[in-house]
Amino acid sequence: MRSAEGGWSEQALAGALAEELWARGIQPVVLLVAGEERVFRYRHPLPKNRPLGRLFMGVVCGRRHGLILSATRLRSFGHPEAQALNTQVVQVEAAALGASRPGATLGQVAQAVREAYAGIGRAEEFENHHQGGVAGWRPREFLALPGSEVRLEPGMLLAYNPSLPGAKVEDTFLLTGAGLENLTPDPEWPTAEFAGRLRPLVMEG
């Protein structure tokens, strides 16, 4: 993502991501890419032969040693909406992470996420893509759905992916008795503190 250029195709970026993953012994189970033309239309975009343009997204679910971790990043070459949209999805994610405590249910997390979408004036977006949930042996073992009685326990992996047209945020966290540990941080990616956690910005340029 850091070396890509706006003239690349989505397929070229997907190929570069796959090469980097395999070089590290990581099997890409899910690999999605959307450029400027499609990132505002599709939440689960299979890469096409279309240019990346001014705003693009890469999504990876990678397996190593049996476990699957997920991460999403976006990069902008001066797109005017990128950072504002990112701020909104990070606010929704903060609600999901804040509700993810040992003993809580995924239904309670889903309710917190629903309320967070309403709080940013985008209540309808809760229905437009799944919000993630418990991960581990599969990209998602249980989704955060209204009414879910799946109870969170220390040792679970959690990967939430709130999204809007043109924006998405995703990392994989280990739930511990002391809180959440981010297993997919990138020290070279720009971040900012949201609700006490460093969360990814859209990389500019």
N, C-alpha and C. Protein backbone atom coordinates (compact mmCIF):
# COMPACT_ATOMS: atom_id res chain seq x y z
N MET A 1 0.83 -1.20 0.00
CA MET A 1 0.00 0.00 0.00
C MET A 1 0.86 1.25 0.00
N ARG A 2 2.00 1.20 0.70
CA ARG A 2 2.85 2.39 0.79
C ARG A 2 3.59 2.67 -0.51
N SER A 3 3.83 1.65 -1.32
CA SER A 3 4.58 1.86 -2.56
C SER A 3 3.70 2.00 -3.79
N ALA A 4 2.39 1.76 -3.64
CA ALA A 4 1.48 1.82 -4.79
C ALA A 4 1.37 3.24 -5.32
N GLU A 5 1.02 3.34 -6.59
CA GLU A 5 0.80 4.63 -7.24
C GLU A 5 -0.60 4.64 -7.84
N GLY A 6 -1.15 5.84 -7.99
CA GLY A 6 -2.51 5.97 -8.47
C GLY A 6 -2.77 5.37 -9.84
N GLY A 7 -1.72 5.26 -10.65
CA GLY A 7 -1.88 4.68 -11.98
C GLY A 7 -1.89 3.16 -11.99
N TRP A 8 -1.55 2.54 -10.87
CA TRP A 8 -1.63 1.08 -10.81
C TRP A 8 -3.07 0.63 -10.98
N SER A 9 -3.25 -0.60 -11.42
CA SER A 9 -4.58 -1.20 -11.43
C SER A 9 -4.85 -1.86 -10.08
N GLU A 10 -6.12 -2.07 -9.80
CA GLU A 10 -6.48 -2.82 -8.58
C GLU A 10 -5.83 -4.19 -8.58
N GLN A 11 -5.79 -4.84 -9.73
CA GLN A 11 -5.19 -6.16 -9.81
C GLN A 11 -3.69 -6.13 -9.54
N ALA A 12 -3.02 -5.07 -9.99
CA ALA A 12 -1.59 -4.95 -9.73
C ALA A 12 -1.32 -4.82 -8.24
N LEU A 13 -2.14 -4.03 -7.54
CA LEU A 13 -1.97 -3.89 -6.10
C LEU A 13 -2.27 -5.21 -5.40
N ALA A 14 -3.31 -5.90 -5.82
CA ALA A 14 -3.63 -7.20 -5.22
C ALA A 14 -2.47 -8.17 -5.39
N GLY A 15 -1.84 -8.16 -6.58
CA GLY A 15 -0.69 -9.03 -6.81
C GLY A 15 0.48 -8.67 -5.91
N ALA A 16 0.72 -7.37 -5.73
CA ALA A 16 1.82 -6.94 -4.86
C ALA A 16 1.55 -7.31 -3.40
N LEU A 17 0.31 -7.16 -2.97
CA LEU A 17 -0.05 -7.55 -1.61
C LEU A 17 0.15 -9.06 -1.41
N ALA A 18 -0.30 -9.84 -2.37
CA ALA A 18 -0.15 -11.29 -2.26
C ALA A 18 1.33 -11.69 -2.21
N GLU A 19 2.16 -11.05 -3.01
CA GLU A 19 3.59 -11.35 -3.01
C GLU A 19 4.21 -11.06 -1.64
N GLU A 20 3.84 -9.90 -1.06
CA GLU A 20 4.39 -9.54 0.25
C GLU A 20 3.91 -10.52 1.33
N LEU A 21 2.67 -10.93 1.26
CA LEU A 21 2.14 -11.86 2.24
C LEU A 21 2.84 -13.22 2.16
N TRP A 22 2.91 -13.77 0.96
CA TRP A 22 3.53 -15.09 0.81
C TRP A 22 5.00 -15.05 1.21
N ALA A 23 5.68 -13.93 0.95
CA ALA A 23 7.10 -13.81 1.32
C ALA A 23 7.29 -13.89 2.84
N ARG A 24 6.22 -13.62 3.57
CA ARG A 24 6.27 -13.69 5.03
C ARG A 24 5.58 -14.93 5.58
N GLY A 25 5.29 -15.87 4.70
CA GLY A 25 4.65 -17.10 5.14
C GLY A 25 3.20 -16.95 5.50
N ILE A 26 2.55 -15.93 4.93
CA ILE A 26 1.14 -15.67 5.22
C ILE A 26 0.31 -15.99 3.98
N GLN A 27 -0.69 -16.86 4.15
CA GLN A 27 -1.59 -17.22 3.05
C GLN A 27 -2.73 -16.21 2.97
N PRO A 28 -2.88 -15.50 1.84
CA PRO A 28 -4.02 -14.58 1.71
C PRO A 28 -5.32 -15.34 1.51
N VAL A 29 -6.14 -15.39 2.54
CA VAL A 29 -7.43 -16.07 2.48
C VAL A 29 -8.46 -15.17 1.82
N VAL A 30 -8.42 -13.88 2.15
CA VAL A 30 -9.25 -12.85 1.51
C VAL A 30 -8.33 -11.72 1.12
N LEU A 31 -8.45 -11.24 -0.12
CA LEU A 31 -7.63 -10.13 -0.59
C LEU A 31 -8.51 -9.27 -1.50
N LEU A 32 -8.86 -8.09 -1.01
CA LEU A 32 -9.78 -7.20 -1.71
C LEU A 32 -9.10 -5.87 -1.98
N VAL A 33 -9.42 -5.29 -3.14
CA VAL A 33 -8.87 -3.98 -3.50
C VAL A 33 -9.95 -3.20 -4.24
N ALA A 34 -10.08 -1.93 -3.90
CA ALA A 34 -10.96 -1.03 -4.66
C ALA A 34 -10.26 0.30 -4.86
N GLY A 35 -10.29 0.79 -6.10
CA GLY A 35 -9.78 2.11 -6.41
C GLY A 35 -10.88 3.16 -6.30
N GLU A 36 -10.54 4.36 -6.70
CA GLU A 36 -11.45 5.49 -6.53
C GLU A 36 -12.80 5.27 -7.21
N GLU A 37 -12.82 4.59 -8.34
CA GLU A 37 -14.08 4.37 -9.06
C GLU A 37 -15.04 3.48 -8.28
N ARG A 38 -14.50 2.57 -7.47
CA ARG A 38 -15.36 1.52 -6.89
C ARG A 38 -15.42 1.54 -5.36
N VAL A 39 -14.51 2.27 -4.71
CA VAL A 39 -14.48 2.22 -3.25
C VAL A 39 -15.72 2.87 -2.63
N PHE A 40 -16.43 3.70 -3.37
CA PHE A 40 -17.66 4.31 -2.86
C PHE A 40 -18.89 3.45 -3.15
N ARG A 41 -18.70 2.36 -3.89
CA ARG A 41 -19.84 1.52 -4.27
C ARG A 41 -19.83 0.14 -3.65
N TYR A 42 -18.64 -0.40 -3.37
CA TYR A 42 -18.54 -1.79 -2.94
C TYR A 42 -17.81 -1.91 -1.61
N ARG A 43 -18.37 -2.73 -0.70
CA ARG A 43 -17.74 -2.96 0.59
C ARG A 43 -16.82 -4.18 0.56
N HIS A 44 -17.04 -5.08 -0.39
CA HIS A 44 -16.26 -6.32 -0.48
C HIS A 44 -15.73 -6.46 -1.91
N PRO A 45 -14.83 -5.58 -2.34
CA PRO A 45 -14.50 -5.44 -3.75
C PRO A 45 -13.41 -6.39 -4.24
N LEU A 46 -13.79 -7.33 -5.09
CA LEU A 46 -12.79 -8.16 -5.77
C LEU A 46 -12.01 -7.28 -6.74
N PRO A 47 -10.67 -7.40 -6.77
CA PRO A 47 -9.87 -6.50 -7.62
C PRO A 47 -10.17 -6.66 -9.10
N LYS A 48 -10.26 -5.54 -9.78
CA LYS A 48 -10.53 -5.51 -11.22
C LYS A 48 -9.38 -4.79 -11.93
N ASN A 49 -9.45 -4.80 -13.24
CA ASN A 49 -8.45 -4.10 -14.04
C ASN A 49 -8.87 -2.63 -14.19
N ARG A 50 -8.96 -1.94 -13.04
CA ARG A 50 -9.35 -0.54 -13.01
C ARG A 50 -8.29 0.24 -12.24
N PRO A 51 -8.05 1.50 -12.57
CA PRO A 51 -6.99 2.26 -11.90
C PRO A 51 -7.32 2.56 -10.45
N LEU A 52 -6.27 2.68 -9.63
CA LEU A 52 -6.46 3.02 -8.22
C LEU A 52 -6.95 4.45 -8.05
N GLY A 53 -6.40 5.37 -8.81
CA GLY A 53 -6.85 6.75 -8.73
C GLY A 53 -6.42 7.45 -7.46
N ARG A 54 -7.25 8.40 -6.99
CA ARG A 54 -6.87 9.25 -5.86
C ARG A 54 -7.17 8.63 -4.49
N LEU A 55 -7.96 7.56 -4.44
CA LEU A 55 -8.30 6.94 -3.16
C LEU A 55 -8.49 5.45 -3.39
N PHE A 56 -7.77 4.63 -2.60
CA PHE A 56 -7.91 3.20 -2.78
C PHE A 56 -7.78 2.47 -1.46
N MET A 57 -8.35 1.27 -1.44
CA MET A 57 -8.44 0.46 -0.23
C MET A 57 -7.86 -0.93 -0.48
N GLY A 58 -7.10 -1.44 0.49
CA GLY A 58 -6.63 -2.81 0.47
C GLY A 58 -7.12 -3.53 1.71
N VAL A 59 -7.67 -4.73 1.53
CA VAL A 59 -8.21 -5.53 2.63
C VAL A 59 -7.55 -6.90 2.59
N VAL A 60 -7.03 -7.35 3.72
CA VAL A 60 -6.35 -8.63 3.78
C VAL A 60 -6.85 -9.42 4.98
N CYS A 61 -7.20 -10.68 4.75
CA CYS A 61 -7.34 -11.67 5.81
C CYS A 61 -6.28 -12.72 5.53
N GLY A 62 -5.28 -12.82 6.40
CA GLY A 62 -4.14 -13.68 6.13
C GLY A 62 -3.99 -14.77 7.19
N ARG A 63 -3.67 -15.99 6.73
CA ARG A 63 -3.53 -17.13 7.64
C ARG A 63 -2.05 -17.50 7.81
N ARG A 64 -1.63 -17.63 9.06
CA ARG A 64 -0.31 -18.17 9.38
C ARG A 64 -0.43 -18.98 10.67
N HIS A 65 0.17 -20.15 10.68
CA HIS A 65 0.09 -21.05 11.84
C HIS A 65 -1.37 -21.35 12.19
N GLY A 66 -2.23 -21.37 11.18
CA GLY A 66 -3.62 -21.74 11.40
C GLY A 66 -4.55 -20.59 11.70
N LEU A 67 -4.03 -19.52 12.29
CA LEU A 67 -4.90 -18.40 12.68
C LEU A 67 -4.97 -17.35 11.57
N ILE A 68 -6.12 -16.69 11.48
CA ILE A 68 -6.35 -15.67 10.46
C ILE A 68 -6.50 -14.31 11.14
N LEU A 69 -5.68 -13.36 10.71
CA LEU A 69 -5.80 -11.98 11.15
C LEU A 69 -6.22 -11.11 9.96
N SER A 70 -6.94 -10.03 10.25
CA SER A 70 -7.49 -9.17 9.20
C SER A 70 -7.07 -7.73 9.42
N ALA A 71 -6.86 -7.01 8.33
CA ALA A 71 -6.53 -5.59 8.40
C ALA A 71 -6.98 -4.91 7.11
N THR A 72 -7.38 -3.65 7.24
CA THR A 72 -7.76 -2.82 6.09
C THR A 72 -7.04 -1.48 6.20
N ARG A 73 -6.53 -1.00 5.06
CA ARG A 73 -5.91 0.32 5.02
C ARG A 73 -6.36 1.04 3.76
N LEU A 74 -6.41 2.38 3.84
CA LEU A 74 -6.73 3.22 2.70
C LEU A 74 -5.63 4.24 2.48
N ARG A 75 -5.43 4.57 1.22
CA ARG A 75 -4.43 5.57 0.86
C ARG A 75 -5.06 6.57 -0.10
N SER A 76 -4.67 7.83 0.05
CA SER A 76 -5.24 8.91 -0.75
C SER A 76 -4.14 9.72 -1.40
N PHE A 77 -4.39 10.13 -2.62
CA PHE A 77 -3.55 11.11 -3.29
C PHE A 77 -4.39 12.39 -3.44
N GLY A 78 -4.68 13.00 -2.29
CA GLY A 78 -5.39 14.27 -2.31
C GLY A 78 -6.89 14.18 -2.45
N HIS A 79 -7.50 13.03 -2.15
CA HIS A 79 -8.95 12.95 -2.25
C HIS A 79 -9.58 13.80 -1.14
N PRO A 80 -10.52 14.69 -1.47
CA PRO A 80 -10.99 15.66 -0.48
C PRO A 80 -11.82 15.08 0.66
N GLU A 81 -12.40 13.90 0.49
CA GLU A 81 -13.28 13.34 1.52
C GLU A 81 -12.61 12.30 2.39
N ALA A 82 -11.40 11.89 2.05
CA ALA A 82 -10.82 10.68 2.65
C ALA A 82 -10.71 10.75 4.17
N GLN A 83 -10.09 11.80 4.69
CA GLN A 83 -9.83 11.84 6.13
C GLN A 83 -11.10 12.02 6.94
N ALA A 84 -12.03 12.82 6.46
CA ALA A 84 -13.29 13.03 7.19
C ALA A 84 -14.08 11.73 7.28
N LEU A 85 -14.13 10.97 6.20
CA LEU A 85 -14.83 9.68 6.23
C LEU A 85 -14.13 8.72 7.18
N ASN A 86 -12.81 8.73 7.16
CA ASN A 86 -12.06 7.84 8.06
C ASN A 86 -12.37 8.17 9.52
N THR A 87 -12.44 9.44 9.84
CA THR A 87 -12.76 9.84 11.21
C THR A 87 -14.11 9.28 11.65
N GLN A 88 -15.07 9.27 10.73
CA GLN A 88 -16.40 8.76 11.08
C GLN A 88 -16.37 7.26 11.34
N VAL A 89 -15.70 6.47 10.49
CA VAL A 89 -15.70 5.02 10.72
C VAL A 89 -14.89 4.66 11.96
N VAL A 90 -13.86 5.43 12.26
CA VAL A 90 -13.10 5.16 13.48
C VAL A 90 -13.94 5.43 14.72
N GLN A 91 -14.83 6.41 14.64
CA GLN A 91 -15.75 6.66 15.76
C GLN A 91 -16.68 5.46 15.97
N VAL A 92 -17.15 4.87 14.88
CA VAL A 92 -18.00 3.69 15.00
C VAL A 92 -17.20 2.52 15.56
N GLU A 93 -15.98 2.35 15.05
CA GLU A 93 -15.14 1.26 15.55
C GLU A 93 -14.88 1.43 17.04
N ALA A 94 -14.66 2.67 17.49
CA ALA A 94 -14.39 2.91 18.91
C ALA A 94 -15.54 2.42 19.78
N ALA A 95 -16.76 2.53 19.29
CA ALA A 95 -17.91 2.02 20.03
C ALA A 95 -17.86 0.50 20.13
N ALA A 96 -17.50 -0.16 19.04
CA ALA A 96 -17.39 -1.62 19.05
C ALA A 96 -16.29 -2.08 20.00
N LEU A 97 -15.13 -1.45 19.91
CA LEU A 97 -14.02 -1.84 20.77
C LEU A 97 -14.32 -1.54 22.24
N GLY A 98 -14.96 -0.41 22.49
CA GLY A 98 -15.30 -0.06 23.86
C GLY A 98 -16.29 -1.02 24.50
N ALA A 99 -17.16 -1.61 23.67
CA ALA A 99 -18.16 -2.55 24.18
C ALA A 99 -17.61 -3.96 24.31
N SER A 100 -16.40 -4.20 23.82
CA SER A 100 -15.83 -5.56 23.78
C SER A 100 -15.05 -5.85 25.06
N ARG A 101 -15.79 -6.30 26.06
CA ARG A 101 -15.20 -6.65 27.35
C ARG A 101 -15.57 -8.09 27.68
N PRO A 102 -14.72 -8.79 28.43
CA PRO A 102 -15.08 -10.15 28.84
C PRO A 102 -16.46 -10.17 29.49
N GLY A 103 -17.31 -11.08 29.03
CA GLY A 103 -18.66 -11.19 29.56
C GLY A 103 -19.71 -10.51 28.72
N ALA A 104 -19.31 -9.55 27.89
CA ALA A 104 -20.27 -8.89 26.99
C ALA A 104 -20.68 -9.86 25.88
N THR A 105 -21.84 -9.64 25.29
CA THR A 105 -22.27 -10.46 24.15
C THR A 105 -22.04 -9.70 22.85
N LEU A 106 -21.96 -10.46 21.77
CA LEU A 106 -21.85 -9.82 20.46
C LEU A 106 -23.10 -9.02 20.14
N GLY A 107 -24.23 -9.40 20.69
CA GLY A 107 -25.43 -8.60 20.52
C GLY A 107 -25.29 -7.22 21.14
N GLN A 108 -24.65 -7.14 22.28
CA GLN A 108 -24.42 -5.84 22.91
C GLN A 108 -23.44 -5.01 22.10
N VAL A 109 -22.43 -5.66 21.54
CA VAL A 109 -21.50 -4.94 20.66
C VAL A 109 -22.25 -4.40 19.45
N ALA A 110 -23.11 -5.24 18.85
CA ALA A 110 -23.87 -4.80 17.68
C ALA A 110 -24.74 -3.60 18.00
N GLN A 111 -25.34 -3.58 19.17
CA GLN A 111 -26.18 -2.45 19.55
C GLN A 111 -25.35 -1.19 19.71
N ALA A 112 -24.15 -1.32 20.27
CA ALA A 112 -23.26 -0.15 20.39
C ALA A 112 -22.87 0.38 19.02
N VAL A 113 -22.63 -0.54 18.09
CA VAL A 113 -22.26 -0.13 16.73
C VAL A 113 -23.44 0.56 16.04
N ARG A 114 -24.63 -0.01 16.19
CA ARG A 114 -25.82 0.60 15.59
C ARG A 114 -26.01 2.03 16.10
N GLU A 115 -25.85 2.21 17.40
CA GLU A 115 -26.02 3.54 17.99
C GLU A 115 -24.93 4.50 17.51
N ALA A 116 -23.73 3.97 17.28
CA ALA A 116 -22.64 4.83 16.81
C ALA A 116 -22.88 5.31 15.38
N TYR A 117 -23.41 4.44 14.52
CA TYR A 117 -23.77 4.88 13.17
C TYR A 117 -24.82 5.99 13.24
N ALA A 118 -25.81 5.80 14.11
CA ALA A 118 -26.83 6.84 14.26
C ALA A 118 -26.20 8.13 14.76
N GLY A 119 -25.20 8.01 15.63
CA GLY A 119 -24.55 9.18 16.19
C GLY A 119 -23.80 10.02 15.18
N ILE A 120 -23.35 9.40 14.09
CA ILE A 120 -22.67 10.16 13.03
C ILE A 120 -23.64 10.52 11.90
N GLY A 121 -24.93 10.25 12.13
CA GLY A 121 -25.94 10.59 11.12
C GLY A 121 -26.03 9.63 9.96
N ARG A 122 -25.54 8.38 10.16
CA ARG A 122 -25.55 7.39 9.08
C ARG A 122 -26.16 6.08 9.56
N ALA A 123 -27.31 6.16 10.20
CA ALA A 123 -27.94 4.97 10.80
C ALA A 123 -28.13 3.85 9.79
N GLU A 124 -28.43 4.20 8.54
CA GLU A 124 -28.72 3.19 7.52
C GLU A 124 -27.52 2.30 7.19
N GLU A 125 -26.32 2.79 7.49
CA GLU A 125 -25.12 2.04 7.09
C GLU A 125 -24.92 0.77 7.92
N PHE A 126 -25.58 0.67 9.07
CA PHE A 126 -25.46 -0.55 9.87
C PHE A 126 -25.91 -1.77 9.09
N GLU A 127 -26.86 -1.58 8.16
CA GLU A 127 -27.43 -2.70 7.41
C GLU A 127 -26.68 -3.00 6.12
N ASN A 128 -25.72 -2.17 5.74
CA ASN A 128 -25.14 -2.28 4.40
C ASN A 128 -23.92 -3.19 4.31
N HIS A 129 -23.42 -3.65 5.45
CA HIS A 129 -22.30 -4.61 5.44
C HIS A 129 -22.20 -5.17 6.83
N HIS A 130 -21.72 -6.41 6.96
CA HIS A 130 -21.55 -6.93 8.32
C HIS A 130 -20.46 -6.14 9.04
N GLN A 131 -20.53 -6.13 10.35
CA GLN A 131 -19.65 -5.27 11.15
C GLN A 131 -18.46 -6.00 11.74
N GLY A 132 -18.29 -7.27 11.36
CA GLY A 132 -17.19 -8.06 11.91
C GLY A 132 -17.62 -8.77 13.17
N GLY A 133 -16.64 -9.28 13.92
CA GLY A 133 -16.96 -10.02 15.13
C GLY A 133 -15.78 -10.84 15.61
N VAL A 134 -16.05 -12.06 16.07
CA VAL A 134 -15.01 -12.95 16.57
C VAL A 134 -14.29 -13.60 15.40
N ALA A 135 -12.97 -13.54 15.41
CA ALA A 135 -12.15 -14.13 14.35
C ALA A 135 -11.33 -15.28 14.93
N GLY A 136 -10.41 -15.80 14.12
CA GLY A 136 -9.54 -16.86 14.60
C GLY A 136 -9.23 -17.89 13.54
N TRP A 137 -9.92 -19.01 13.56
CA TRP A 137 -9.66 -20.06 12.58
C TRP A 137 -10.29 -19.73 11.23
N ARG A 138 -11.24 -18.83 11.22
CA ARG A 138 -11.84 -18.32 9.98
C ARG A 138 -11.78 -16.79 10.05
N PRO A 139 -11.94 -16.12 8.90
CA PRO A 139 -11.93 -14.65 8.97
C PRO A 139 -12.94 -14.11 9.99
N ARG A 140 -14.12 -14.75 10.08
CA ARG A 140 -15.08 -14.43 11.12
C ARG A 140 -15.73 -15.74 11.55
N GLU A 141 -15.64 -16.03 12.84
CA GLU A 141 -16.30 -17.22 13.37
C GLU A 141 -17.73 -16.91 13.81
N PHE A 142 -17.91 -15.73 14.40
CA PHE A 142 -19.24 -15.26 14.79
C PHE A 142 -19.33 -13.78 14.50
N LEU A 143 -20.42 -13.35 13.88
CA LEU A 143 -20.61 -11.94 13.57
C LEU A 143 -21.32 -11.22 14.71
N ALA A 144 -21.02 -9.95 14.85
CA ALA A 144 -21.72 -9.10 15.81
C ALA A 144 -23.07 -8.73 15.21
N LEU A 145 -24.09 -9.50 15.56
CA LEU A 145 -25.43 -9.32 15.03
C LEU A 145 -26.39 -8.98 16.17
N PRO A 146 -27.42 -8.22 15.89
CA PRO A 146 -28.40 -7.90 16.94
C PRO A 146 -28.95 -9.18 17.57
N GLY A 147 -28.96 -9.21 18.88
CA GLY A 147 -29.52 -10.35 19.59
C GLY A 147 -28.56 -11.51 19.79
N SER A 148 -27.35 -11.45 19.23
CA SER A 148 -26.41 -12.57 19.39
C SER A 148 -26.07 -12.77 20.86
N GLU A 149 -26.13 -14.02 21.30
CA GLU A 149 -25.81 -14.37 22.68
C GLU A 149 -24.38 -14.89 22.84
N VAL A 150 -23.59 -14.84 21.76
CA VAL A 150 -22.19 -15.26 21.86
C VAL A 150 -21.49 -14.33 22.85
N ARG A 151 -20.90 -14.93 23.88
CA ARG A 151 -20.31 -14.15 24.96
C ARG A 151 -18.79 -14.05 24.77
N LEU A 152 -18.26 -12.86 24.94
CA LEU A 152 -16.83 -12.64 24.74
C LEU A 152 -16.05 -13.14 25.94
N GLU A 153 -14.90 -13.78 25.65
CA GLU A 153 -14.04 -14.33 26.69
C GLU A 153 -12.60 -13.96 26.40
N PRO A 154 -11.78 -13.84 27.44
CA PRO A 154 -10.34 -13.60 27.21
C PRO A 154 -9.75 -14.69 26.32
N GLY A 155 -8.87 -14.26 25.41
CA GLY A 155 -8.26 -15.20 24.46
C GLY A 155 -8.91 -15.18 23.10
N MET A 156 -10.09 -14.55 22.99
CA MET A 156 -10.74 -14.45 21.68
C MET A 156 -10.06 -13.39 20.83
N LEU A 157 -10.10 -13.61 19.51
CA LEU A 157 -9.66 -12.60 18.55
C LEU A 157 -10.89 -11.86 18.04
N LEU A 158 -10.80 -10.54 17.95
CA LEU A 158 -11.90 -9.71 17.50
C LEU A 158 -11.46 -8.87 16.32
N ALA A 159 -12.24 -8.89 15.25
CA ALA A 159 -11.95 -8.07 14.07
C ALA A 159 -13.25 -7.41 13.63
N TYR A 160 -13.36 -6.12 13.90
CA TYR A 160 -14.52 -5.35 13.46
C TYR A 160 -14.14 -4.56 12.21
N ASN A 161 -15.13 -4.29 11.37
CA ASN A 161 -14.85 -3.59 10.11
C ASN A 161 -15.97 -2.62 9.74
N PRO A 162 -16.24 -1.63 10.59
CA PRO A 162 -17.25 -0.63 10.22
C PRO A 162 -16.86 0.08 8.93
N SER A 163 -17.85 0.44 8.15
CA SER A 163 -17.55 1.02 6.84
C SER A 163 -18.62 2.02 6.44
N LEU A 164 -18.22 2.91 5.55
CA LEU A 164 -19.08 3.85 4.85
C LEU A 164 -18.67 3.82 3.39
N PRO A 165 -19.47 4.35 2.48
CA PRO A 165 -18.98 4.50 1.11
C PRO A 165 -17.69 5.32 1.12
N GLY A 166 -16.61 4.70 0.68
CA GLY A 166 -15.32 5.39 0.63
C GLY A 166 -14.49 5.29 1.88
N ALA A 167 -14.90 4.46 2.86
CA ALA A 167 -14.13 4.38 4.10
C ALA A 167 -14.37 3.05 4.79
N LYS A 168 -13.33 2.57 5.46
CA LYS A 168 -13.42 1.35 6.25
C LYS A 168 -12.22 1.32 7.19
N VAL A 169 -12.40 0.73 8.36
CA VAL A 169 -11.28 0.55 9.28
C VAL A 169 -11.35 -0.88 9.81
N GLU A 170 -10.16 -1.50 9.98
CA GLU A 170 -10.13 -2.89 10.44
C GLU A 170 -8.74 -3.25 10.93
N ASP A 171 -8.70 -3.82 12.11
CA ASP A 171 -7.53 -4.49 12.66
C ASP A 171 -8.03 -5.67 13.45
N THR A 172 -7.13 -6.53 13.88
CA THR A 172 -7.49 -7.69 14.67
C THR A 172 -6.92 -7.53 16.08
N PHE A 173 -7.77 -7.71 17.07
CA PHE A 173 -7.40 -7.50 18.47
C PHE A 173 -7.54 -8.79 19.26
N LEU A 174 -6.63 -8.97 20.20
CA LEU A 174 -6.73 -10.05 21.17
C LEU A 174 -7.41 -9.51 22.42
N LEU A 175 -8.50 -10.16 22.83
CA LEU A 175 -9.19 -9.77 24.05
C LEU A 175 -8.50 -10.41 25.25
N THR A 176 -8.07 -9.61 26.18
CA THR A 176 -7.43 -10.09 27.41
C THR A 176 -8.20 -9.57 28.61
N GLY A 177 -7.84 -10.07 29.77
CA GLY A 177 -8.47 -9.57 30.98
C GLY A 177 -8.16 -8.12 31.25
N ALA A 178 -7.05 -7.63 30.65
CA ALA A 178 -6.63 -6.24 30.86
C ALA A 178 -7.09 -5.31 29.75
N GLY A 179 -7.75 -5.85 28.73
CA GLY A 179 -8.21 -5.00 27.62
C GLY A 179 -7.92 -5.64 26.28
N LEU A 180 -7.76 -4.81 25.26
CA LEU A 180 -7.56 -5.26 23.89
C LEU A 180 -6.13 -4.98 23.44
N GLU A 181 -5.52 -5.99 22.82
CA GLU A 181 -4.18 -5.84 22.25
C GLU A 181 -4.28 -5.91 20.73
N ASN A 182 -3.83 -4.87 20.05
CA ASN A 182 -3.87 -4.83 18.59
C ASN A 182 -2.77 -5.74 18.04
N LEU A 183 -3.16 -6.76 17.28
CA LEU A 183 -2.21 -7.71 16.72
C LEU A 183 -1.75 -7.33 15.31
N THR A 184 -2.36 -6.31 14.72
CA THR A 184 -2.02 -5.96 13.33
C THR A 184 -1.64 -4.49 13.18
N PRO A 185 -0.89 -3.92 14.10
CA PRO A 185 -0.48 -2.52 13.91
C PRO A 185 0.65 -2.43 12.89
N ASP A 186 0.79 -1.28 12.27
CA ASP A 186 1.90 -1.00 11.35
C ASP A 186 2.58 0.26 11.84
N PRO A 187 3.78 0.14 12.42
CA PRO A 187 4.45 1.32 12.97
C PRO A 187 4.81 2.36 11.92
N GLU A 188 4.80 1.98 10.64
CA GLU A 188 5.14 2.92 9.58
C GLU A 188 3.91 3.59 8.97
N TRP A 189 2.73 3.20 9.42
CA TRP A 189 1.49 3.77 8.86
C TRP A 189 1.07 4.95 9.74
N PRO A 190 0.60 6.05 9.16
CA PRO A 190 0.17 7.19 9.99
C PRO A 190 -1.03 6.83 10.85
N THR A 191 -0.98 7.26 12.10
CA THR A 191 -2.06 6.98 13.05
C THR A 191 -2.40 8.23 13.84
N ALA A 192 -3.53 8.16 14.52
CA ALA A 192 -3.93 9.20 15.47
C ALA A 192 -4.65 8.51 16.61
N GLU A 193 -4.69 9.16 17.76
CA GLU A 193 -5.35 8.56 18.91
C GLU A 193 -6.84 8.83 18.87
N PHE A 194 -7.62 7.75 18.95
CA PHE A 194 -9.07 7.84 19.05
C PHE A 194 -9.50 7.00 20.25
N ALA A 195 -10.21 7.58 21.16
CA ALA A 195 -10.72 6.86 22.33
C ALA A 195 -9.61 6.08 23.04
N GLY A 196 -8.44 6.68 23.11
CA GLY A 196 -7.35 6.07 23.85
C GLY A 196 -6.55 5.03 23.09
N ARG A 197 -6.83 4.85 21.80
CA ARG A 197 -6.09 3.88 20.99
C ARG A 197 -5.53 4.55 19.75
N LEU A 198 -4.38 4.10 19.30
CA LEU A 198 -3.85 4.56 18.02
C LEU A 198 -4.56 3.83 16.90
N ARG A 199 -5.20 4.59 16.02
CA ARG A 199 -5.95 4.00 14.92
C ARG A 199 -5.44 4.57 13.61
N PRO A 200 -5.53 3.79 12.52
CA PRO A 200 -4.94 4.23 11.26
C PRO A 200 -5.68 5.40 10.64
N LEU A 201 -4.93 6.33 10.12
CA LEU A 201 -5.45 7.37 9.25
C LEU A 201 -5.42 6.87 7.82
N VAL A 202 -5.98 7.63 6.90
CA VAL A 202 -5.75 7.40 5.48
C VAL A 202 -4.37 7.97 5.16
N MET A 203 -3.50 7.14 4.60
CA MET A 203 -2.17 7.62 4.24
C MET A 203 -2.29 8.57 3.05
N GLU A 204 -1.70 9.74 3.18
CA GLU A 204 -1.75 10.75 2.11
C GLU A 204 -0.47 10.73 1.29
N GLY A 205 -0.62 10.76 -0.04
CA GLY A 205 0.53 10.87 -0.93
C GLY A 205 1.35 9.62 -1.05
